[in-house]
C-alpha atoms as a PDB file:
ATOM      1  CA  MET A   1      95.464 121.089 132.787  1.00  0.00           C
ATOM      2  CA  VAL A   2      92.890 121.308 129.991  1.00  0.00           C
ATOM      3  CA  ASP A   3      95.578 120.589 127.386  1.00  0.00           C
ATOM      4  CA  GLY A   4      96.695 117.592 129.451  1.00  0.00           C
ATOM      5  CA  TRP A   5      93.185 116.141 129.562  1.00  0.00           C
ATOM      6  CA  GLN A   6      92.726 116.748 125.843  1.00  0.00           C
ATOM      7  CA  LYS A   7      95.934 114.857 125.117  1.00  0.00           C
ATOM      8  CA  VAL A   8      94.852 111.914 127.265  1.00  0.00           C
ATOM      9  CA  TYR A   9      91.438 111.899 125.597  1.00  0.00           C
ATOM     10  CA  LYS A  10      93.013 111.762 122.144  1.00  0.00           C
ATOM     11  CA  LEU A  11      95.335 108.980 123.248  1.00  0.00           C
ATOM     12  CA  MET A  12      92.407 107.000 124.659  1.00  0.00           C
ATOM     13  CA  ASN A  13      90.929 106.947 121.164  1.00  0.00           C
ATOM     14  CA  ARG A  14      94.094 105.219 119.909  1.00  0.00           C
ATOM     15  CA  ILE A  15      94.364 102.512 122.574  1.00  0.00           C
ATOM     16  CA  GLY A  16      92.806  99.151 121.847  1.00  0.00           C
ATOM     17  CA  PHE A  17      92.970  95.509 122.800  1.00  0.00           C
ATOM     18  CA  MET A  18      93.565  92.240 121.004  1.00  0.00           C
ATOM     19  CA  GLN A  19      90.327  90.300 120.684  1.00  0.00           C
ATOM     20  CA  GLY A  20      90.225  87.578 123.318  1.00  0.00           C
ATOM     21  CA  ARG A  21      92.083  89.536 125.972  1.00  0.00           C
ATOM     22  CA  LEU A  22      88.746  90.379 127.643  1.00  0.00           C
ATOM     23  CA  SER A  23      87.643  86.729 127.637  1.00  0.00           C
ATOM     24  CA  SER A  24      88.618  83.524 129.390  1.00  0.00           C
ATOM     25  CA  ILE A  25      91.693  81.727 128.093  1.00  0.00           C
ATOM     26  CA  VAL A  26      90.817  79.164 125.400  1.00  0.00           C
ATOM     27  CA  ASP A  27      92.598  75.781 125.558  1.00  0.00           C
ATOM     28  CA  GLY A  28      95.506  77.280 127.478  1.00  0.00           C
ATOM     29  CA  LYS A  29      96.469  79.525 124.543  1.00  0.00           C
ATOM     30  CA  ILE A  30      97.605  83.091 125.110  1.00  0.00           C
ATOM     31  CA  GLN A  31      95.699  84.082 121.949  1.00  0.00           C
ATOM     32  CA  SER A  32      92.738  82.448 120.253  1.00  0.00           C
ATOM     33  CA  PHE A  33      89.363  83.508 118.913  1.00  0.00           C
ATOM     34  CA  PRO A  34      86.973  83.592 121.939  1.00  0.00           C
ATOM     35  CA  TRP A  35      84.070  81.637 120.479  1.00  0.00           C
ATOM     36  CA  GLU A  36      82.041  81.530 123.701  1.00  0.00           C
ATOM     37  CA  GLU A  37      82.516  85.174 124.722  1.00  0.00           C
ATOM     38  CA  TRP A  38      83.291  87.230 121.625  1.00  0.00           C
ATOM     39  CA  GLU A  39      80.036  89.189 121.764  1.00  0.00           C
ATOM     40  CA  LYS A  40      80.508  90.009 125.449  1.00  0.00           C
ATOM     41  CA  GLU A  41      83.854  91.653 124.751  1.00  0.00           C
ATOM     42  CA  PHE A  42      82.140  94.660 123.155  1.00  0.00           C
ATOM     43  CA  GLU A  43      80.312  95.498 126.369  1.00  0.00           C
ATOM     44  CA  ARG A  44      83.358  94.750 128.525  1.00  0.00           C
ATOM     45  CA  ALA A  45      85.465  97.108 126.417  1.00  0.00           C
ATOM     46  CA  PHE A  46      82.831  99.821 126.771  1.00  0.00           C
ATOM     47  CA  GLU A  47      82.849  99.407 130.560  1.00  0.00           C
ATOM     48  CA  ILE A  48      86.599 100.116 130.779  1.00  0.00           C
ATOM     49  CA  GLN A  49      86.503 102.849 128.127  1.00  0.00           C
ATOM     50  CA  LEU A  50      88.251 101.057 125.315  1.00  0.00           C
ATOM     51  CA  SER A  51      86.970 101.959 121.864  1.00  0.00           C
ATOM     52  CA  ILE A  52      89.252  99.879 119.617  1.00  0.00           C
ATOM     53  CA  MET A  53      89.487  96.123 119.093  1.00  0.00           C
ATOM     54  CA  GLU A  54      91.861  94.192 116.866  1.00  0.00           C
ATOM     55  CA  TRP A  55      90.040  91.155 115.471  1.00  0.00           C
ATOM     56  CA  THR A  56      91.680  87.712 115.452  1.00  0.00           C
ATOM     57  CA  LEU A  57      91.270  84.915 112.936  1.00  0.00           C
ATOM     58  CA  ASP A  58      92.387  81.317 113.410  1.00  0.00           C
ATOM     59  CA  TYR A  59      92.542  78.834 110.545  1.00  0.00           C
ATOM     60  CA  GLN A  60      90.473  76.312 112.488  1.00  0.00           C
ATOM     61  CA  GLU A  61      86.806  77.004 111.731  1.00  0.00           C
ATOM     62  CA  LEU A  62      87.876  80.015 109.664  1.00  0.00           C
ATOM     63  CA  ARG A  63      84.754  80.065 107.519  1.00  0.00           C
ATOM     64  CA  LYS A  64      82.513  79.915 110.595  1.00  0.00           C
ATOM     65  CA  ASN A  65      84.140  82.939 112.217  1.00  0.00           C
ATOM     66  CA  PRO A  66      81.530  85.722 112.557  1.00  0.00           C
ATOM     67  CA  LEU A  67      83.622  87.962 110.312  1.00  0.00           C
ATOM     68  CA  MET A  68      83.297  85.445 107.484  1.00  0.00           C
ATOM     69  CA  THR A  69      79.490  85.089 107.522  1.00  0.00           C
ATOM     70  CA  VAL A  70      76.749  87.515 106.515  1.00  0.00           C
ATOM     71  CA  GLN A  71      74.889  87.068 109.809  1.00  0.00           C
ATOM     72  CA  GLY A  72      78.102  87.402 111.795  1.00  0.00           C
ATOM     73  CA  ARG A  73      79.106  90.641 110.101  1.00  0.00           C
ATOM     74  CA  GLU A  74      75.641  92.074 110.757  1.00  0.00           C
ATOM     75  CA  LYS A  75      76.046  91.229 114.431  1.00  0.00           C
ATOM     76  CA  ILE A  76      79.560  92.737 114.500  1.00  0.00           C
ATOM     77  CA  ASN A  77      78.325  95.979 112.957  1.00  0.00           C
ATOM     78  CA  ASN A  78      75.394  96.197 115.382  1.00  0.00           C
ATOM     79  CA  LEU A  79      77.583  95.564 118.420  1.00  0.00           C
ATOM     80  CA  SER A  80      80.182  98.057 117.205  1.00  0.00           C
ATOM     81  CA  LYS A  81      77.534 100.735 116.885  1.00  0.00           C
ATOM     82  CA  LYS A  82      75.871  99.913 120.208  1.00  0.00           C
ATOM     83  CA  TYR A  83      79.108 100.026 122.201  1.00  0.00           C
ATOM     84  CA  ASN A  84      80.950 102.666 120.170  1.00  0.00           C
ATOM     85  CA  LEU A  85      83.763 100.267 119.358  1.00  0.00           C
ATOM     86  CA  SER A  86      85.674 100.270 116.080  1.00  0.00           C
ATOM     87  CA  ILE A  87      87.657  97.410 114.582  1.00  0.00           C
ATOM     88  CA  PRO A  88      90.349  99.045 112.422  1.00  0.00           C
ATOM     89  CA  SER A  89      92.717  96.063 112.311  1.00  0.00           C
ATOM     90  CA  LEU A  90      92.844  92.284 112.178  1.00  0.00           C
ATOM     91  CA  THR A  91      95.569  89.836 113.164  1.00  0.00           C
ATOM     92  CA  GLY A  92      95.502  86.865 110.827  1.00  0.00           C
ATOM     93  CA  ASP A  93      96.921  84.048 112.912  1.00  0.00           C
ATOM     94  CA  CYS A  94      95.329  81.858 110.234  1.00  0.00           C
ATOM     95  CA  PHE A  95      98.094  82.914 107.849  1.00  0.00           C
ATOM     96  CA  MET A  96     100.746  81.884 110.331  1.00  0.00           C
ATOM     97  CA  GLN A  97      98.997  78.573 110.969  1.00  0.00           C
ATOM     98  CA  LYS A  98      98.615  77.866 107.230  1.00  0.00           C
ATOM     99  CA  PRO A  99     101.129  80.081 105.387  1.00  0.00           C
ATOM    100  CA  PHE A 100     100.374  80.305 101.672  1.00  0.00           C
ATOM    101  CA  TRP A 101     104.051  81.032 101.002  1.00  0.00           C
ATOM    102  CA  LYS A 102     105.056  77.593 102.313  1.00  0.00           C
ATOM    103  CA  THR A 103     102.537  75.314 100.619  1.00  0.00           C
ATOM    104  CA  ILE A 104     102.457  73.277  97.449  1.00  0.00           C
ATOM    105  CA  LYS A 105     100.738  74.810  94.441  1.00  0.00           C
ATOM    106  CA  SER A 106      97.363  73.053  94.832  1.00  0.00           C
ATOM    107  CA  ASP A 107      96.978  74.154  98.453  1.00  0.00           C
ATOM    108  CA  ASN A 108      98.481  77.567  97.777  1.00  0.00           C
ATOM    109  CA  SER A 109      95.611  78.680  95.542  1.00  0.00           C
ATOM    110  CA  ASN A 110      93.055  77.850  98.245  1.00  0.00           C
ATOM    111  CA  LEU A 111      94.992  79.754 100.888  1.00  0.00           C
ATOM    112  CA  VAL A 112      95.401  82.786  98.635  1.00  0.00           C
ATOM    113  CA  CYS A 113      91.649  82.647  98.063  1.00  0.00           C
ATOM    114  CA  ASP A 114      91.231  82.733 101.850  1.00  0.00           C
ATOM    115  CA  LEU A 115      93.245  85.963 101.934  1.00  0.00           C
ATOM    116  CA  GLU A 116      91.049  87.478  99.237  1.00  0.00           C
ATOM    117  CA  ASN A 117      87.886  86.456 101.114  1.00  0.00           C
ATOM    118  CA  ILE A 118      89.231  87.887 104.371  1.00  0.00           C
ATOM    119  CA  LEU A 119      89.960  91.200 102.673  1.00  0.00           C
ATOM    120  CA  GLU A 120      86.443  91.309 101.227  1.00  0.00           C
ATOM    121  CA  ALA A 121      84.833  90.435 104.573  1.00  0.00           C
ATOM    122  CA  SER A 122      86.990  92.947 106.450  1.00  0.00           C
ATOM    123  CA  LYS A 123      85.902  95.739 104.139  1.00  0.00           C
ATOM    124  CA  LYS A 124      82.292  95.146 105.176  1.00  0.00           C
ATOM    125  CA  VAL A 125      82.929  95.796 108.886  1.00  0.00           C
ATOM    126  CA  GLY A 126      85.362  98.672 108.475  1.00  0.00           C
ATOM    127  CA  ILE A 127      88.615  96.790 109.078  1.00  0.00           C
ATOM    128  CA  LYS A 128      91.376  98.675 107.257  1.00  0.00           C
ATOM    129  CA  MET A 129      94.545  96.809 108.262  1.00  0.00           C
ATOM    130  CA  ILE A 130      95.128  93.078 107.754  1.00  0.00           C
ATOM    131  CA  LEU A 131      98.152  91.879 109.712  1.00  0.00           C
ATOM    132  CA  ILE A 132     100.073  88.871 108.394  1.00  0.00           C
ATOM    133  CA  PRO A 133     102.453  87.450 111.058  1.00  0.00           C
ATOM    134  CA  LEU A 134     105.743  86.341 109.544  1.00  0.00           C
ATOM    135  CA  VAL A 135     106.920  84.748 112.779  1.00  0.00           C
ATOM    136  CA  ASP A 136     107.031  81.293 114.381  1.00  0.00           C
ATOM    137  CA  SER A 137     105.534  78.767 111.936  1.00  0.00           C
ATOM    138  CA  GLY A 138     104.876  81.628 109.526  1.00  0.00           C
ATOM    139  CA  LYS A 139     108.447  82.912 109.352  1.00  0.00           C
ATOM    140  CA  ILE A 140     109.942  83.306 105.887  1.00  0.00           C
ATOM    141  CA  GLU A 141     112.854  80.882 105.601  1.00  0.00           C
ATOM    142  CA  ASN A 142     114.288  81.485 102.143  1.00  0.00           C
ATOM    143  CA  LEU A 143     114.161  83.768  99.123  1.00  0.00           C
ATOM    144  CA  THR A 144     111.760  81.506  97.229  1.00  0.00           C
ATOM    145  CA  GLN A 145     109.209  81.858 100.014  1.00  0.00           C
ATOM    146  CA  GLU A 146     109.799  85.597 100.226  1.00  0.00           C
ATOM    147  CA  ASN A 147     109.333  86.101  96.495  1.00  0.00           C
ATOM    148  CA  LEU A 148     106.091  84.112  96.511  1.00  0.00           C
ATOM    149  CA  PHE A 149     104.831  86.073  99.505  1.00  0.00           C
ATOM    150  CA  VAL A 150     105.679  89.419  97.901  1.00  0.00           C
ATOM    151  CA  ASP A 151     104.079  88.475  94.584  1.00  0.00           C
ATOM    152  CA  VAL A 152     100.814  87.408  96.217  1.00  0.00           C
ATOM    153  CA  CYS A 153     100.600  90.483  98.434  1.00  0.00           C
ATOM    154  CA  LEU A 154     101.350  92.842  95.555  1.00  0.00           C
ATOM    155  CA  SER A 155      98.585  91.186  93.529  1.00  0.00           C
ATOM    156  CA  MET A 156      96.153  92.595  96.099  1.00  0.00           C
ATOM    157  CA  GLN A 157      97.266  96.195  95.575  1.00  0.00           C
ATOM    158  CA  SER A 158      94.353  97.344  93.417  1.00  0.00           C
ATOM    159  CA  PHE A 159      91.799  96.048  95.918  1.00  0.00           C
ATOM    160  CA  LEU A 160      93.694  97.657  98.788  1.00  0.00           C
ATOM    161  CA  LYS A 161      93.961 100.981  97.011  1.00  0.00           C
ATOM    162  CA  ASN A 162      90.312 101.058  95.937  1.00  0.00           C
ATOM    163  CA  ASN A 163      89.159 100.360  99.497  1.00  0.00           C
ATOM    164  CA  GLN A 164      91.807 102.370 101.375  1.00  0.00           C
ATOM    165  CA  MET A 165      93.067  99.238 103.095  1.00  0.00           C
ATOM    166  CA  PHE A 166      96.522  97.999 104.093  1.00  0.00           C
ATOM    167  CA  LEU A 167      98.412  94.751 104.417  1.00  0.00           C
ATOM    168  CA  ILE A 168     100.799  95.005 107.355  1.00  0.00           C
ATOM    169  CA  PHE A 169     103.570  92.631 108.268  1.00  0.00           C
ATOM    170  CA  GLU A 170     105.039  91.541 111.576  1.00  0.00           C
ATOM    171  CA  SER A 171     108.403  89.872 111.057  1.00  0.00           C
ATOM    172  CA  ASP A 172     111.337  88.418 112.951  1.00  0.00           C
ATOM    173  CA  TYR A 173     113.742  89.671 110.272  1.00  0.00           C
ATOM    174  CA  PRO A 174     116.648  91.692 111.698  1.00  0.00           C
ATOM    175  CA  PRO A 175     116.283  95.451 111.064  1.00  0.00           C
ATOM    176  CA  ASP A 176     118.510  95.602 107.966  1.00  0.00           C
ATOM    177  CA  LYS A 177     116.718  92.672 106.344  1.00  0.00           C
ATOM    178  CA  LEU A 178     113.254  93.914 107.279  1.00  0.00           C
ATOM    179  CA  SER A 179     114.098  97.308 105.790  1.00  0.00           C
ATOM    180  CA  LYS A 180     114.977  95.708 102.456  1.00  0.00           C
ATOM    181  CA  PHE A 181     111.865  93.531 102.643  1.00  0.00           C
ATOM    182  CA  ILE A 182     109.405  96.366 103.250  1.00  0.00           C
ATOM    183  CA  ASP A 183     111.066  98.424 100.501  1.00  0.00           C
ATOM    184  CA  ARG A 184     109.710  95.843  98.057  1.00  0.00           C
ATOM    185  CA  PHE A 185     106.228  97.212  98.768  1.00  0.00           C
ATOM    186  CA  PRO A 186     104.757 100.660  98.060  1.00  0.00           C
ATOM    187  CA  SER A 187     104.116 102.591 101.266  1.00  0.00           C
ATOM    188  CA  GLU A 188     100.569 103.555 100.265  1.00  0.00           C
ATOM    189  CA  GLN A 189      99.058 100.109 100.894  1.00  0.00           C
ATOM    190  CA  TYR A 190     101.702  98.198 102.870  1.00  0.00           C
ATOM    191  CA  GLY A 191     103.371  98.735 106.229  1.00  0.00           C
ATOM    192  CA  ILE A 192     104.844  97.243 109.376  1.00  0.00           C
ATOM    193  CA  ASN A 193     103.261  96.177 112.631  1.00  0.00           C
ATOM    194  CA  TYR A 194     105.803  96.909 115.361  1.00  0.00           C
ATOM    195  CA  ASP A 195     105.554  94.442 118.229  1.00  0.00           C
ATOM    196  CA  ILE A 196     107.392  95.902 121.221  1.00  0.00           C
ATOM    197  CA  GLY A 197     107.660  92.614 123.102  1.00  0.00           C
ATOM    198  CA  ASN A 198     108.787  90.533 120.139  1.00  0.00           C
ATOM    199  CA  SER A 199     111.566  92.984 119.311  1.00  0.00           C
ATOM    200  CA  ALA A 200     112.702  92.898 122.937  1.00  0.00           C
ATOM    201  CA  ALA A 201     112.718  89.089 122.959  1.00  0.00           C
ATOM    202  CA  LEU A 202     114.824  89.052 119.797  1.00  0.00           C
ATOM    203  CA  GLY A 203     117.300  91.489 121.321  1.00  0.00           C
ATOM    204  CA  PHE A 204     116.789  94.150 118.648  1.00  0.00           C
ATOM    205  CA  ASN A 205     117.883  97.733 119.360  1.00  0.00           C
ATOM    206  CA  PRO A 206     114.883 100.074 118.914  1.00  0.00           C
ATOM    207  CA  LEU A 207     117.173 102.875 117.728  1.00  0.00           C
ATOM    208  CA  ASN A 208     118.384 100.685 114.890  1.00  0.00           C
ATOM    209  CA  GLU A 209     114.895  99.420 114.101  1.00  0.00           C
ATOM    210  CA  PHE A 210     113.371 102.880 113.820  1.00  0.00           C
ATOM    211  CA  ASP A 211     116.318 104.163 111.827  1.00  0.00           C
ATOM    212  CA  LYS A 212     115.687 101.435 109.258  1.00  0.00           C
ATOM    213  CA  TYR A 213     111.885 101.453 108.987  1.00  0.00           C
ATOM    214  CA  GLY A 214     110.342 103.783 111.555  1.00  0.00           C
ATOM    215  CA  ASP A 215     108.415 105.617 108.848  1.00  0.00           C
ATOM    216  CA  ARG A 216     106.742 102.367 107.710  1.00  0.00           C
ATOM    217  CA  ILE A 217     105.213 101.482 111.098  1.00  0.00           C
ATOM    218  CA  ILE A 218     101.421 101.876 110.975  1.00  0.00           C
ATOM    219  CA  ASN A 219     100.279  99.678 113.873  1.00  0.00           C
ATOM    220  CA  VAL A 220     101.818  98.826 117.256  1.00  0.00           C
ATOM    221  CA  HIS A 221     101.342  95.814 119.516  1.00  0.00           C
ATOM    222  CA  VAL A 222     102.059  96.607 123.146  1.00  0.00           C
ATOM    223  CA  LYS A 223     103.453  93.707 125.126  1.00  0.00           C
ATOM    224  CA  ASP A 224     106.563  92.766 127.101  1.00  0.00           C
ATOM    225  CA  ARG A 225     108.801  89.739 126.743  1.00  0.00           C
ATOM    226  CA  ILE A 226     111.976  88.431 128.291  1.00  0.00           C
ATOM    227  CA  LEU A 227     115.054  88.246 126.084  1.00  0.00           C
ATOM    228  CA  ASN A 228     114.765  84.915 124.218  1.00  0.00           C
ATOM    229  CA  GLY A 229     111.714  84.175 126.369  1.00  0.00           C
ATOM    230  CA  ASN A 230     107.971  84.416 126.781  1.00  0.00           C
ATOM    231  CA  THR A 231     105.419  87.185 127.242  1.00  0.00           C
ATOM    232  CA  VAL A 232     105.357  88.672 130.759  1.00  0.00           C
ATOM    233  CA  PRO A 233     103.386  91.483 132.430  1.00  0.00           C
ATOM    234  CA  LEU A 234     104.221  94.967 131.178  1.00  0.00           C
ATOM    235  CA  GLY A 235     107.375  96.277 132.812  1.00  0.00           C
ATOM    236  CA  LYS A 236     108.605  92.817 133.831  1.00  0.00           C
ATOM    237  CA  GLY A 237     110.525  91.985 130.662  1.00  0.00           C
ATOM    238  CA  ASN A 238     113.232  93.484 128.473  1.00  0.00           C
ATOM    239  CA  ALA A 239     111.143  95.998 126.527  1.00  0.00           C
ATOM    240  CA  ASP A 240     112.376  99.586 126.798  1.00  0.00           C
ATOM    241  CA  PHE A 241     108.983 101.263 126.658  1.00  0.00           C
ATOM    242  CA  ASN A 242     110.216 104.781 127.330  1.00  0.00           C
ATOM    243  CA  LEU A 243     112.653 104.596 124.426  1.00  0.00           C
ATOM    244  CA  VAL A 244     110.123 103.014 122.054  1.00  0.00           C
ATOM    245  CA  PHE A 245     107.425 105.567 122.791  1.00  0.00           C
ATOM    246  CA  ASP A 246     109.936 108.417 122.447  1.00  0.00           C
ATOM    247  CA  LEU A 247     110.899 107.041 119.043  1.00  0.00           C
ATOM    248  CA  LEU A 248     107.280 106.662 117.970  1.00  0.00           C
ATOM    249  CA  ASP A 249     106.743 110.289 118.909  1.00  0.00           C
ATOM    250  CA  LYS A 250     109.890 111.311 117.034  1.00  0.00           C
ATOM    251  CA  TYR A 251     108.615 109.575 113.906  1.00  0.00           C
ATOM    252  CA  SER A 252     105.193 111.239 114.313  1.00  0.00           C
ATOM    253  CA  TYR A 253     103.390 107.936 114.736  1.00  0.00           C
ATOM    254  CA  LYS A 254      99.628 108.463 114.413  1.00  0.00           C
ATOM    255  CA  GLY A 255      98.408 104.872 114.585  1.00  0.00           C
ATOM    256  CA  ASN A 256      96.919 102.725 117.319  1.00  0.00           C
ATOM    257  CA  TYR A 257      98.399 100.993 120.345  1.00  0.00           C
ATOM    258  CA  ILE A 258      96.963  97.483 120.667  1.00  0.00           C
ATOM    259  CA  LEU A 259      97.292  95.743 124.037  1.00  0.00           C
ATOM    260  CA  GLN A 260      98.473  92.224 123.203  1.00  0.00           C
ATOM    261  CA  THR A 261      99.601  91.679 126.757  1.00  0.00           C
ATOM    262  CA  ALA A 262     100.226  88.767 129.137  1.00  0.00           C
ATOM    263  CA  ARG A 263      97.142  86.959 130.383  1.00  0.00           C
ATOM    264  CA  SER A 264      95.961  87.046 133.994  1.00  0.00           C
ATOM    265  CA  LYS A 265      96.831  83.936 135.990  1.00  0.00           C
ATOM    266  CA  LYS A 266      93.869  84.694 138.265  1.00  0.00           C
ATOM    267  CA  ASN A 267      91.297  84.957 135.465  1.00  0.00           C
ATOM    268  CA  GLU A 268      91.042  88.713 136.098  1.00  0.00           C
ATOM    269  CA  HIS A 269      91.320  89.553 132.416  1.00  0.00           C
ATOM    270  CA  ILE A 270      89.222  92.727 132.402  1.00  0.00           C
ATOM    271  CA  LYS A 271      91.031  94.186 135.412  1.00  0.00           C
ATOM    272  CA  VAL A 272      94.441  93.353 133.955  1.00  0.00           C
ATOM    273  CA  ILE A 273      93.686  94.986 130.606  1.00  0.00           C
ATOM    274  CA  ASN A 274      92.368  98.079 132.369  1.00  0.00           C
ATOM    275  CA  ASP A 275      95.537  98.235 134.494  1.00  0.00           C
ATOM    276  CA  TYR A 276      97.701  97.900 131.391  1.00  0.00           C
ATOM    277  CA  LYS A 277      95.693 100.635 129.698  1.00  0.00           C
ATOM    278  CA  GLN A 278      96.499 102.996 132.574  1.00  0.00           C
ATOM    279  CA  MET A 279     100.192 102.061 132.377  1.00  0.00           C
ATOM    280  CA  LEU A 280     100.210 102.744 128.651  1.00  0.00           C
ATOM    281  CA  ILE A 281      98.564 106.140 129.120  1.00  0.00           C
ATOM    282  CA  SER A 282     101.224 107.091 131.662  1.00  0.00           C
ATOM    283  CA  TRP A 283     103.978 106.167 129.223  1.00  0.00           C
ATOM    284  CA  ILE A 284     102.654 107.940 126.147  1.00  0.00           C
ATOM    285  CA  SER A 285     100.934 111.015 127.627  1.00  0.00           C
END
């Protein structure tokens, strides 16, 4: 029994939530920076015993985001300490909204500068993993875009190495193609974010995915989606959670599990995240 409790305790320290999931929905979006409630999420996470948050960045008002200002970072660090909450990762929806690998040269330099500034700001609040979503409007559509993307990301390697940070990629590439893509990057500073729901929606076979790049997965988003469809409550879609968690265990995954789950239709966001946390514990313990 003691061993069982110890295992659950260790797992609890690896379960987190996507910023915004403990706040009201903004403009009908499933995910958006919670400008009105972002500070309150620290206390709400503490109340339901969550100690990890994944930060979110939108391109709109990017430079006003608390992460990107001196005063904001001071407030983030104070709240993190007060509520014993760490922020090891960041999802850069801003990159998907304004992909530097799809822009003309004059705009490209500004967007690459944004990436550099985000890395510098993240370092100051302890964020180690910067996630770049290569999906939806950010999907890579040709080799020219891929080569530009790879070149820019590799140019950050010295900074990443010196600060023990990582760029991680979430992609809709099929397993074979994603394997070749991630092989273009050294494993020390670059990895894959595995999104359980997105893979299910794309109809990918987890066995094939893990065979191709299981050892490059360093962050996991926990959500459920219908095949070719939208995000749904955990257990209501096509994700094979038992298989995925067995495979993560087989590949000795030591990273975090970030709840990027469906939103509550009744505005019961804290309760829903807590319920999902309990479901996740039951699956991985």
